[in-house]
Amino acid sequence: MVLKYILPVIFVFSLYIYGWFYWYLKFYRRKIYASNIFSFHKISKYPEFGGTTNLLFQFENYLKFLKENGFKTTTIDDFLESKDDRKILIFFDDAYENVYRYAFPIMKKYSFTGVLSPVAGYIGKRNVWDAKTGKFKHMDLGMLKEMGDYGFEIISHSFSHKDLRKLNNEKLDLEILVSKEILEKSLKRRIEYFLYPFGLTNEKVKRKVKEAGYKGAFTSYTDKEDFDIYEIPRNTLYIIDTNLTLKTLLFRKPLFLFGHFDMKGRVTNWFGRFSPIIKL
């Protein structure tokens, strides 16, 4: 009778250990993991069904930890050129209105800036692509301009947040080139980097991004050994994460925990790829 309950536990544990060693051989030994780049989606006082919201107290704990340990935010250009491991980038994917309402005041409190990635066709409108209940509003132009004037960098996150791999050349131009032109005209500032919707890309999409005049582009996780300026990986922090997650990803130790959190991020991100397909 006891064996009935022990065998599933042994199976799950064995599967986890296998997964960890797979991660170690495929990613860690080849140094395939994101540097000090962290992305968030929504910041709120209350949780929401879906997991891409970080609670306000949770987010402030991250910033407090970063400040106390000497980390500082910077621009994308400076980050890519610098060898200072205390420089970080903080992304706010989709530029939700609650980031302006809740995260912005806290960022100012700790003297941090970040990177906003608005979806050009949804500025001031509500999200329609996530497989979650509820549709969340994006920042309007006034909010984007205010945060940009404070020091936040703004990049393009496409025109309508589609899986770019499935689009023809005409639609790709709308998502990549036209989104850049709209943001530059509306915000009166240069848009120099791109963020792939859902972190999904391929060689054709990357070529289009380069042809549109972007200096580089960001994804989520990658399995490429060589650095690619048009496929820069990032870490994502979810509602289930804590300061231990952040600390481990920053210092990449202890190794077992680093493997656990990086592997967890990759698996969570993989499931997120179904958002364009499954909508509630």
C-alpha atoms as a PDB file:
ATOM      1  CA  MET A   1       0.000   0.000   0.000  1.00  0.00           C
ATOM      2  CA  VAL A   2       2.836   2.377   0.883  1.00  0.00           C
ATOM      3  CA  LEU A   3       4.554   1.461  -2.382  1.00  0.00           C
ATOM      4  CA  LYS A   4       1.534   2.826  -4.245  1.00  0.00           C
ATOM      5  CA  TYR A   5       2.383   6.338  -3.018  1.00  0.00           C
ATOM      6  CA  ILE A   6       6.166   6.046  -2.999  1.00  0.00           C
ATOM      7  CA  LEU A   7       6.562   5.028  -6.646  1.00  0.00           C
ATOM      8  CA  PRO A   8       5.002   8.232  -8.091  1.00  0.00           C
ATOM      9  CA  VAL A   9       7.220  10.325  -5.797  1.00  0.00           C
ATOM     10  CA  ILE A  10      10.314   8.424  -6.929  1.00  0.00           C
ATOM     11  CA  PHE A  11       9.261   8.842 -10.562  1.00  0.00           C
ATOM     12  CA  VAL A  12       8.747  12.607 -10.254  1.00  0.00           C
ATOM     13  CA  PHE A  13      12.005  13.046  -8.332  1.00  0.00           C
ATOM     14  CA  SER A  14      13.925  10.992 -10.921  1.00  0.00           C
ATOM     15  CA  LEU A  15      12.386  13.043 -13.725  1.00  0.00           C
ATOM     16  CA  TYR A  16      13.429  16.261 -11.988  1.00  0.00           C
ATOM     17  CA  ILE A  17      17.022  15.055 -11.476  1.00  0.00           C
ATOM     18  CA  TYR A  18      17.187  13.975 -15.115  1.00  0.00           C
ATOM     19  CA  GLY A  19      15.921  17.413 -16.163  1.00  0.00           C
ATOM     20  CA  TRP A  20      18.513  19.174 -14.001  1.00  0.00           C
ATOM     21  CA  PHE A  21      21.413  17.213 -15.483  1.00  0.00           C
ATOM     22  CA  TYR A  22      20.007  17.789 -18.953  1.00  0.00           C
ATOM     23  CA  TRP A  23      20.036  21.540 -18.192  1.00  0.00           C
ATOM     24  CA  TYR A  24      23.591  21.300 -16.839  1.00  0.00           C
ATOM     25  CA  LEU A  25      24.942  19.578 -19.971  1.00  0.00           C
ATOM     26  CA  LYS A  26      22.912  21.490 -22.568  1.00  0.00           C
ATOM     27  CA  PHE A  27      22.939  24.989 -21.102  1.00  0.00           C
ATOM     28  CA  TYR A  28      25.255  25.537 -18.143  1.00  0.00           C
ATOM     29  CA  ARG A  29      28.409  23.871 -19.495  1.00  0.00           C
ATOM     30  CA  ARG A  30      27.982  25.816 -22.735  1.00  0.00           C
ATOM     31  CA  LYS A  31      27.215  29.034 -20.793  1.00  0.00           C
ATOM     32  CA  ILE A  32      23.813  29.448 -22.419  1.00  0.00           C
ATOM     33  CA  TYR A  33      21.874  31.584 -19.970  1.00  0.00           C
ATOM     34  CA  ALA A  34      20.718  35.175 -19.710  1.00  0.00           C
ATOM     35  CA  SER A  35      22.864  37.894 -18.177  1.00  0.00           C
ATOM     36  CA  ASN A  36      21.503  40.489 -15.732  1.00  0.00           C
ATOM     37  CA  ILE A  37      18.368  41.290 -17.715  1.00  0.00           C
ATOM     38  CA  PHE A  38      15.013  40.832 -15.970  1.00  0.00           C
ATOM     39  CA  SER A  39      11.560  41.226 -17.432  1.00  0.00           C
ATOM     40  CA  PHE A  40       8.200  41.878 -15.805  1.00  0.00           C
ATOM     41  CA  HIS A  41       4.726  42.261 -17.239  1.00  0.00           C
ATOM     42  CA  LYS A  42       2.146  43.594 -14.808  1.00  0.00           C
ATOM     43  CA  ILE A  43       2.652  45.058 -11.319  1.00  0.00           C
ATOM     44  CA  SER A  44      -0.389  45.097  -9.055  1.00  0.00           C
ATOM     45  CA  LYS A  45      -1.532  45.161  -5.447  1.00  0.00           C
ATOM     46  CA  TYR A  46      -3.572  42.015  -6.067  1.00  0.00           C
ATOM     47  CA  PRO A  47      -2.865  38.698  -7.845  1.00  0.00           C
ATOM     48  CA  GLU A  48      -4.576  37.804 -11.109  1.00  0.00           C
ATOM     49  CA  PHE A  49      -5.225  34.469 -12.760  1.00  0.00           C
ATOM     50  CA  GLY A  50      -2.362  33.740 -15.137  1.00  0.00           C
ATOM     51  CA  GLY A  51       0.891  34.351 -13.296  1.00  0.00           C
ATOM     52  CA  THR A  52       2.397  37.265 -15.241  1.00  0.00           C
ATOM     53  CA  THR A  53       1.604  39.738 -12.470  1.00  0.00           C
ATOM     54  CA  ASN A  54       4.144  40.560  -9.781  1.00  0.00           C
ATOM     55  CA  LEU A  55       2.692  41.900  -6.564  1.00  0.00           C
ATOM     56  CA  LEU A  56       3.692  45.403  -5.520  1.00  0.00           C
ATOM     57  CA  PHE A  57       5.362  44.359  -2.259  1.00  0.00           C
ATOM     58  CA  GLN A  58       7.189  41.588  -4.131  1.00  0.00           C
ATOM     59  CA  PHE A  59       8.465  44.027  -6.760  1.00  0.00           C
ATOM     60  CA  GLU A  60       9.622  46.524  -4.145  1.00  0.00           C
ATOM     61  CA  ASN A  61      11.505  43.745  -2.356  1.00  0.00           C
ATOM     62  CA  TYR A  62      13.405  43.095  -5.581  1.00  0.00           C
ATOM     63  CA  LEU A  63      14.352  46.756  -5.955  1.00  0.00           C
ATOM     64  CA  LYS A  64      15.379  47.022  -2.315  1.00  0.00           C
ATOM     65  CA  PHE A  65      17.626  43.973  -2.708  1.00  0.00           C
ATOM     66  CA  LEU A  66      19.188  45.398  -5.876  1.00  0.00           C
ATOM     67  CA  LYS A  67      19.821  48.774  -4.239  1.00  0.00           C
ATOM     68  CA  GLU A  68      21.324  47.294  -1.078  1.00  0.00           C
ATOM     69  CA  ASN A  69      23.669  45.109  -3.123  1.00  0.00           C
ATOM     70  CA  GLY A  70      25.005  47.877  -5.345  1.00  0.00           C
ATOM     71  CA  PHE A  71      23.183  47.078  -8.579  1.00  0.00           C
ATOM     72  CA  LYS A  72      22.255  49.930 -10.896  1.00  0.00           C
ATOM     73  CA  THR A  73      20.120  50.234 -14.005  1.00  0.00           C
ATOM     74  CA  THR A  74      21.516  51.640 -17.228  1.00  0.00           C
ATOM     75  CA  THR A  75      20.743  51.996 -20.948  1.00  0.00           C
ATOM     76  CA  ILE A  76      20.735  49.062 -23.341  1.00  0.00           C
ATOM     77  CA  ASP A  77      23.767  50.402 -25.228  1.00  0.00           C
ATOM     78  CA  ASP A  78      25.768  50.883 -22.050  1.00  0.00           C
ATOM     79  CA  PHE A  79      24.746  47.475 -20.709  1.00  0.00           C
ATOM     80  CA  LEU A  80      25.861  45.681 -23.865  1.00  0.00           C
ATOM     81  CA  GLU A  81      29.193  47.507 -23.944  1.00  0.00           C
ATOM     82  CA  SER A  82      29.967  47.340 -20.219  1.00  0.00           C
ATOM     83  CA  LYS A  83      31.722  44.566 -18.311  1.00  0.00           C
ATOM     84  CA  ASP A  84      30.349  45.814 -14.994  1.00  0.00           C
ATOM     85  CA  ASP A  85      28.384  42.887 -13.534  1.00  0.00           C
ATOM     86  CA  ARG A  86      26.467  45.238 -11.239  1.00  0.00           C
ATOM     87  CA  LYS A  87      24.675  46.890 -14.161  1.00  0.00           C
ATOM     88  CA  ILE A  88      21.232  45.526 -14.955  1.00  0.00           C
ATOM     89  CA  LEU A  89      18.285  46.039 -17.283  1.00  0.00           C
ATOM     90  CA  ILE A  90      14.684  45.901 -16.041  1.00  0.00           C
ATOM     91  CA  PHE A  91      12.080  45.354 -18.769  1.00  0.00           C
ATOM     92  CA  PHE A  92       8.347  45.972 -18.595  1.00  0.00           C
ATOM     93  CA  ASP A  93       6.886  43.934 -21.430  1.00  0.00           C
ATOM     94  CA  ASP A  94       3.741  45.321 -23.114  1.00  0.00           C
ATOM     95  CA  ALA A  95       3.905  48.593 -21.098  1.00  0.00           C
ATOM     96  CA  TYR A  96       0.792  48.003 -19.020  1.00  0.00           C
ATOM     97  CA  GLU A  97      -0.930  50.910 -17.303  1.00  0.00           C
ATOM     98  CA  ASN A  98      -0.451  49.316 -13.873  1.00  0.00           C
ATOM     99  CA  VAL A  99       3.313  49.593 -14.380  1.00  0.00           C
ATOM    100  CA  TYR A 100       2.885  53.360 -14.583  1.00  0.00           C
ATOM    101  CA  ARG A 101       0.563  53.382 -11.574  1.00  0.00           C
ATOM    102  CA  TYR A 102       2.472  51.043  -9.261  1.00  0.00           C
ATOM    103  CA  ALA A 103       5.997  50.302 -10.517  1.00  0.00           C
ATOM    104  CA  PHE A 104       7.005  53.785 -11.680  1.00  0.00           C
ATOM    105  CA  PRO A 105       6.750  55.463  -8.233  1.00  0.00           C
ATOM    106  CA  ILE A 106       8.747  52.626  -6.655  1.00  0.00           C
ATOM    107  CA  MET A 107      11.383  52.797  -9.395  1.00  0.00           C
ATOM    108  CA  LYS A 108      11.781  56.525  -8.725  1.00  0.00           C
ATOM    109  CA  LYS A 109      11.997  55.874  -4.989  1.00  0.00           C
ATOM    110  CA  TYR A 110      15.057  53.673  -5.539  1.00  0.00           C
ATOM    111  CA  SER A 111      16.479  55.801  -8.400  1.00  0.00           C
ATOM    112  CA  PHE A 112      16.071  53.060 -11.007  1.00  0.00           C
ATOM    113  CA  THR A 113      15.045  53.298 -14.640  1.00  0.00           C
ATOM    114  CA  GLY A 114      13.858  50.572 -16.988  1.00  0.00           C
ATOM    115  CA  VAL A 115      12.938  49.561 -20.510  1.00  0.00           C
ATOM    116  CA  LEU A 116       9.342  49.894 -21.726  1.00  0.00           C
ATOM    117  CA  SER A 117       8.198  47.825 -24.695  1.00  0.00           C
ATOM    118  CA  PRO A 118       4.779  49.086 -25.840  1.00  0.00           C
ATOM    119  CA  VAL A 119       2.765  47.373 -28.562  1.00  0.00           C
ATOM    120  CA  ALA A 120       2.297  50.207 -31.072  1.00  0.00           C
ATOM    121  CA  GLY A 121      -1.255  49.287 -32.070  1.00  0.00           C
ATOM    122  CA  TYR A 122      -2.466  48.997 -28.473  1.00  0.00           C
ATOM    123  CA  ILE A 123      -1.275  52.198 -26.831  1.00  0.00           C
ATOM    124  CA  GLY A 124      -4.018  53.238 -24.411  1.00  0.00           C
ATOM    125  CA  LYS A 125      -6.062  50.138 -25.328  1.00  0.00           C
ATOM    126  CA  ARG A 126      -6.692  46.769 -23.712  1.00  0.00           C
ATOM    127  CA  ASN A 127      -4.784  43.528 -24.185  1.00  0.00           C
ATOM    128  CA  VAL A 128      -6.507  40.918 -26.394  1.00  0.00           C
ATOM    129  CA  TRP A 129      -3.826  38.253 -26.896  1.00  0.00           C
ATOM    130  CA  ASP A 130      -3.209  36.592 -23.530  1.00  0.00           C
ATOM    131  CA  ALA A 131      -4.754  33.281 -22.509  1.00  0.00           C
ATOM    132  CA  LYS A 132      -6.031  34.791 -19.257  1.00  0.00           C
ATOM    133  CA  THR A 133      -9.235  36.088 -17.818  1.00  0.00           C
ATOM    134  CA  GLY A 134      -9.545  39.843 -17.910  1.00  0.00           C
ATOM    135  CA  LYS A 135      -8.115  42.308 -20.397  1.00  0.00           C
ATOM    136  CA  PHE A 136      -5.534  44.732 -19.113  1.00  0.00           C
ATOM    137  CA  LYS A 137      -5.048  48.290 -20.298  1.00  0.00           C
ATOM    138  CA  HIS A 138      -1.792  49.555 -21.745  1.00  0.00           C
ATOM    139  CA  MET A 139      -0.176  52.929 -21.066  1.00  0.00           C
ATOM    140  CA  ASP A 140      -1.293  55.872 -23.142  1.00  0.00           C
ATOM    141  CA  LEU A 141       1.107  58.251 -24.886  1.00  0.00           C
ATOM    142  CA  GLY A 142       1.192  60.668 -21.956  1.00  0.00           C
ATOM    143  CA  MET A 143       2.338  57.950 -19.572  1.00  0.00           C
ATOM    144  CA  LEU A 144       4.969  56.668 -21.989  1.00  0.00           C
ATOM    145  CA  LYS A 145       6.298  60.182 -22.553  1.00  0.00           C
ATOM    146  CA  GLU A 146       6.467  60.906 -18.825  1.00  0.00           C
ATOM    147  CA  MET A 147       8.418  57.743 -18.101  1.00  0.00           C
ATOM    148  CA  GLY A 148      10.603  58.322 -21.145  1.00  0.00           C
ATOM    149  CA  ASP A 149      11.408  61.842 -19.965  1.00  0.00           C
ATOM    150  CA  TYR A 150      12.383  60.446 -16.568  1.00  0.00           C
ATOM    151  CA  GLY A 151      14.954  58.163 -18.189  1.00  0.00           C
ATOM    152  CA  PHE A 152      13.153  54.994 -19.206  1.00  0.00           C
ATOM    153  CA  GLU A 153      14.178  53.568 -22.562  1.00  0.00           C
ATOM    154  CA  ILE A 154      11.394  52.698 -25.020  1.00  0.00           C
ATOM    155  CA  ILE A 155      11.617  49.931 -27.607  1.00  0.00           C
ATOM    156  CA  SER A 156       9.131  48.356 -30.021  1.00  0.00           C
ATOM    157  CA  HIS A 157       7.201  45.214 -29.142  1.00  0.00           C
ATOM    158  CA  SER A 158       5.547  44.964 -32.589  1.00  0.00           C
ATOM    159  CA  PHE A 159       2.275  46.476 -33.813  1.00  0.00           C
ATOM    160  CA  SER A 160      -0.249  43.853 -32.673  1.00  0.00           C
ATOM    161  CA  HIS A 161       1.673  41.229 -30.652  1.00  0.00           C
ATOM    162  CA  LYS A 162       1.419  38.298 -33.079  1.00  0.00           C
ATOM    163  CA  ASP A 163       3.664  35.286 -33.570  1.00  0.00           C
ATOM    164  CA  LEU A 164       5.920  36.873 -36.191  1.00  0.00           C
ATOM    165  CA  ARG A 165       7.171  33.537 -37.519  1.00  0.00           C
ATOM    166  CA  LYS A 166       3.785  32.892 -39.130  1.00  0.00           C
ATOM    167  CA  LEU A 167       3.454  36.194 -41.004  1.00  0.00           C
ATOM    168  CA  ASN A 168       4.189  37.057 -44.630  1.00  0.00           C
ATOM    169  CA  ASN A 169       6.544  39.885 -45.596  1.00  0.00           C
ATOM    170  CA  GLU A 170       3.810  42.519 -45.812  1.00  0.00           C
ATOM    171  CA  LYS A 171       2.501  41.762 -42.333  1.00  0.00           C
ATOM    172  CA  LEU A 172       6.024  41.550 -40.960  1.00  0.00           C
ATOM    173  CA  ASP A 173       6.688  45.065 -42.234  1.00  0.00           C
ATOM    174  CA  LEU A 174       3.644  46.290 -40.297  1.00  0.00           C
ATOM    175  CA  GLU A 175       4.731  44.574 -37.090  1.00  0.00           C
ATOM    176  CA  ILE A 176       8.409  45.495 -37.289  1.00  0.00           C
ATOM    177  CA  LEU A 177       8.947  48.583 -39.458  1.00  0.00           C
ATOM    178  CA  VAL A 178       5.619  50.416 -39.120  1.00  0.00           C
ATOM    179  CA  SER A 179       5.540  49.894 -35.339  1.00  0.00           C
ATOM    180  CA  LYS A 180       8.940  51.594 -35.166  1.00  0.00           C
ATOM    181  CA  GLU A 181       7.740  54.524 -37.274  1.00  0.00           C
ATOM    182  CA  ILE A 182       4.553  54.957 -35.214  1.00  0.00           C
ATOM    183  CA  LEU A 183       6.432  55.021 -31.915  1.00  0.00           C
ATOM    184  CA  GLU A 184       9.101  57.396 -33.200  1.00  0.00           C
ATOM    185  CA  LYS A 185       6.514  59.814 -34.585  1.00  0.00           C
ATOM    186  CA  SER A 186       4.261  59.647 -31.509  1.00  0.00           C
ATOM    187  CA  LEU A 187       6.970  59.827 -28.858  1.00  0.00           C
ATOM    188  CA  LYS A 188       9.440  62.064 -30.722  1.00  0.00           C
ATOM    189  CA  ARG A 189      12.337  59.737 -29.894  1.00  0.00           C
ATOM    190  CA  ARG A 190      14.440  57.117 -31.650  1.00  0.00           C
ATOM    191  CA  ILE A 191      13.361  53.491 -31.297  1.00  0.00           C
ATOM    192  CA  GLU A 192      16.505  51.407 -31.612  1.00  0.00           C
ATOM    193  CA  TYR A 193      15.662  47.969 -30.223  1.00  0.00           C
ATOM    194  CA  PHE A 194      12.923  45.393 -30.718  1.00  0.00           C
ATOM    195  CA  LEU A 195      11.299  42.788 -28.459  1.00  0.00           C
ATOM    196  CA  TYR A 196       9.811  39.683 -30.098  1.00  0.00           C
ATOM    197  CA  PRO A 197       6.212  38.918 -29.054  1.00  0.00           C
ATOM    198  CA  PHE A 198       6.145  35.754 -26.920  1.00  0.00           C
ATOM    199  CA  GLY A 199       9.933  35.622 -27.392  1.00  0.00           C
ATOM    200  CA  LEU A 200       9.367  33.825 -30.714  1.00  0.00           C
ATOM    201  CA  THR A 201      11.600  34.449 -33.711  1.00  0.00           C
ATOM    202  CA  ASN A 202      13.487  32.813 -36.580  1.00  0.00           C
ATOM    203  CA  GLU A 203      16.127  33.821 -39.119  1.00  0.00           C
ATOM    204  CA  LYS A 204      13.606  35.469 -41.457  1.00  0.00           C
ATOM    205  CA  VAL A 205      12.146  37.594 -38.662  1.00  0.00           C
ATOM    206  CA  LYS A 206      15.593  38.579 -37.393  1.00  0.00           C
ATOM    207  CA  ARG A 207      16.610  39.618 -40.891  1.00  0.00           C
ATOM    208  CA  LYS A 208      13.518  41.834 -41.140  1.00  0.00           C
ATOM    209  CA  VAL A 209      14.325  43.426 -37.776  1.00  0.00           C
ATOM    210  CA  LYS A 210      17.839  44.206 -38.944  1.00  0.00           C
ATOM    211  CA  GLU A 211      16.608  45.615 -42.277  1.00  0.00           C
ATOM    212  CA  ALA A 212      14.175  47.893 -40.396  1.00  0.00           C
ATOM    213  CA  GLY A 213      17.137  49.637 -38.779  1.00  0.00           C
ATOM    214  CA  TYR A 214      17.050  48.202 -35.266  1.00  0.00           C
ATOM    215  CA  LYS A 215      20.402  47.862 -33.523  1.00  0.00           C
ATOM    216  CA  GLY A 216      19.346  44.647 -31.788  1.00  0.00           C
ATOM    217  CA  ALA A 217      16.438  42.617 -30.451  1.00  0.00           C
ATOM    218  CA  PHE A 218      15.452  40.714 -27.330  1.00  0.00           C
ATOM    219  CA  THR A 219      13.840  37.333 -26.795  1.00  0.00           C
ATOM    220  CA  SER A 220      13.180  35.261 -23.680  1.00  0.00           C
ATOM    221  CA  TYR A 221      15.377  32.189 -23.328  1.00  0.00           C
ATOM    222  CA  THR A 222      17.666  30.827 -26.027  1.00  0.00           C
ATOM    223  CA  ASP A 223      19.575  27.645 -26.793  1.00  0.00           C
ATOM    224  CA  LYS A 224      22.286  29.354 -28.853  1.00  0.00           C
ATOM    225  CA  GLU A 225      25.876  29.182 -27.680  1.00  0.00           C
ATOM    226  CA  ASP A 226      27.144  32.282 -29.502  1.00  0.00           C
ATOM    227  CA  PHE A 227      25.897  35.765 -28.621  1.00  0.00           C
ATOM    228  CA  ASP A 228      23.429  37.151 -31.166  1.00  0.00           C
ATOM    229  CA  ILE A 229      22.637  40.878 -30.953  1.00  0.00           C
ATOM    230  CA  TYR A 230      19.276  40.103 -32.609  1.00  0.00           C
ATOM    231  CA  GLU A 231      18.357  37.388 -30.116  1.00  0.00           C
ATOM    232  CA  ILE A 232      19.405  38.617 -26.676  1.00  0.00           C
ATOM    233  CA  PRO A 233      18.029  36.394 -23.874  1.00  0.00           C
ATOM    234  CA  ARG A 234      16.372  37.681 -20.710  1.00  0.00           C
ATOM    235  CA  ASN A 235      15.225  36.281 -17.371  1.00  0.00           C
ATOM    236  CA  THR A 236      11.549  36.623 -16.464  1.00  0.00           C
ATOM    237  CA  LEU A 237      10.358  36.917 -12.867  1.00  0.00           C
ATOM    238  CA  TYR A 238       6.884  35.582 -12.129  1.00  0.00           C
ATOM    239  CA  ILE A 239       4.511  35.776  -9.186  1.00  0.00           C
ATOM    240  CA  ILE A 240       5.935  32.498  -7.828  1.00  0.00           C
ATOM    241  CA  ASP A 241       9.444  33.981  -7.579  1.00  0.00           C
ATOM    242  CA  THR A 242      11.151  35.576  -4.576  1.00  0.00           C
ATOM    243  CA  ASN A 243      14.344  37.436  -3.703  1.00  0.00           C
ATOM    244  CA  LEU A 244      16.044  34.036  -3.601  1.00  0.00           C
ATOM    245  CA  THR A 245      15.235  33.614  -7.291  1.00  0.00           C
ATOM    246  CA  LEU A 246      16.632  37.044  -8.119  1.00  0.00           C
ATOM    247  CA  LYS A 247      19.768  36.559  -6.018  1.00  0.00           C
ATOM    248  CA  THR A 248      20.479  33.139  -7.519  1.00  0.00           C
ATOM    249  CA  LEU A 249      20.031  34.348 -11.107  1.00  0.00           C
ATOM    250  CA  LEU A 250      22.275  37.356 -10.473  1.00  0.00           C
ATOM    251  CA  PHE A 251      25.154  35.473  -8.867  1.00  0.00           C
ATOM    252  CA  ARG A 252      24.527  32.084 -10.580  1.00  0.00           C
ATOM    253  CA  LYS A 253      25.113  30.164  -7.384  1.00  0.00           C
ATOM    254  CA  PRO A 254      24.575  27.840  -5.669  1.00  0.00           C
ATOM    255  CA  LEU A 255      24.691  25.811  -8.865  1.00  0.00           C
ATOM    256  CA  PHE A 256      21.831  23.489  -7.990  1.00  0.00           C
ATOM    257  CA  LEU A 257      19.462  26.407  -7.320  1.00  0.00           C
ATOM    258  CA  PHE A 258      20.665  28.289 -10.394  1.00  0.00           C
ATOM    259  CA  GLY A 259      19.800  25.242 -12.466  1.00  0.00           C
ATOM    260  CA  HIS A 260      16.429  24.958 -10.761  1.00  0.00           C
ATOM    261  CA  PHE A 261      15.431  28.585 -11.393  1.00  0.00           C
ATOM    262  CA  ASP A 262      16.797  28.790 -14.936  1.00  0.00           C
ATOM    263  CA  MET A 263      15.107  25.512 -15.838  1.00  0.00           C
ATOM    264  CA  LYS A 264      11.858  26.694 -14.222  1.00  0.00           C
ATOM    265  CA  GLY A 265      11.992  29.894 -16.262  1.00  0.00           C
ATOM    266  CA  ARG A 266      12.555  27.993 -19.503  1.00  0.00           C
ATOM    267  CA  VAL A 267       9.669  25.612 -18.840  1.00  0.00           C
ATOM    268  CA  THR A 268       7.300  28.435 -17.828  1.00  0.00           C
ATOM    269  CA  ASN A 269       8.282  30.412 -20.907  1.00  0.00           C
ATOM    270  CA  TRP A 270       7.714  27.373 -23.128  1.00  0.00           C
ATOM    271  CA  PHE A 271       4.134  27.054 -21.888  1.00  0.00           C
ATOM    272  CA  GLY A 272       3.681  30.791 -22.479  1.00  0.00           C
ATOM    273  CA  ARG A 273       4.160  30.137 -26.190  1.00  0.00           C
ATOM    274  CA  PHE A 274       0.642  28.747 -26.307  1.00  0.00           C
ATOM    275  CA  SER A 275      -0.857  32.152 -25.427  1.00  0.00           C
ATOM    276  CA  PRO A 276      -1.431  33.024 -29.115  1.00  0.00           C
ATOM    277  CA  ILE A 277      -3.418  29.782 -29.513  1.00  0.00           C
ATOM    278  CA  ILE A 278      -5.352  29.332 -26.268  1.00  0.00           C
ATOM    279  CA  LYS A 279      -7.538  32.294 -25.307  1.00  0.00           C
ATOM    280  CA  LEU A 280     -10.155  32.242 -22.598  1.00  0.00           C
END
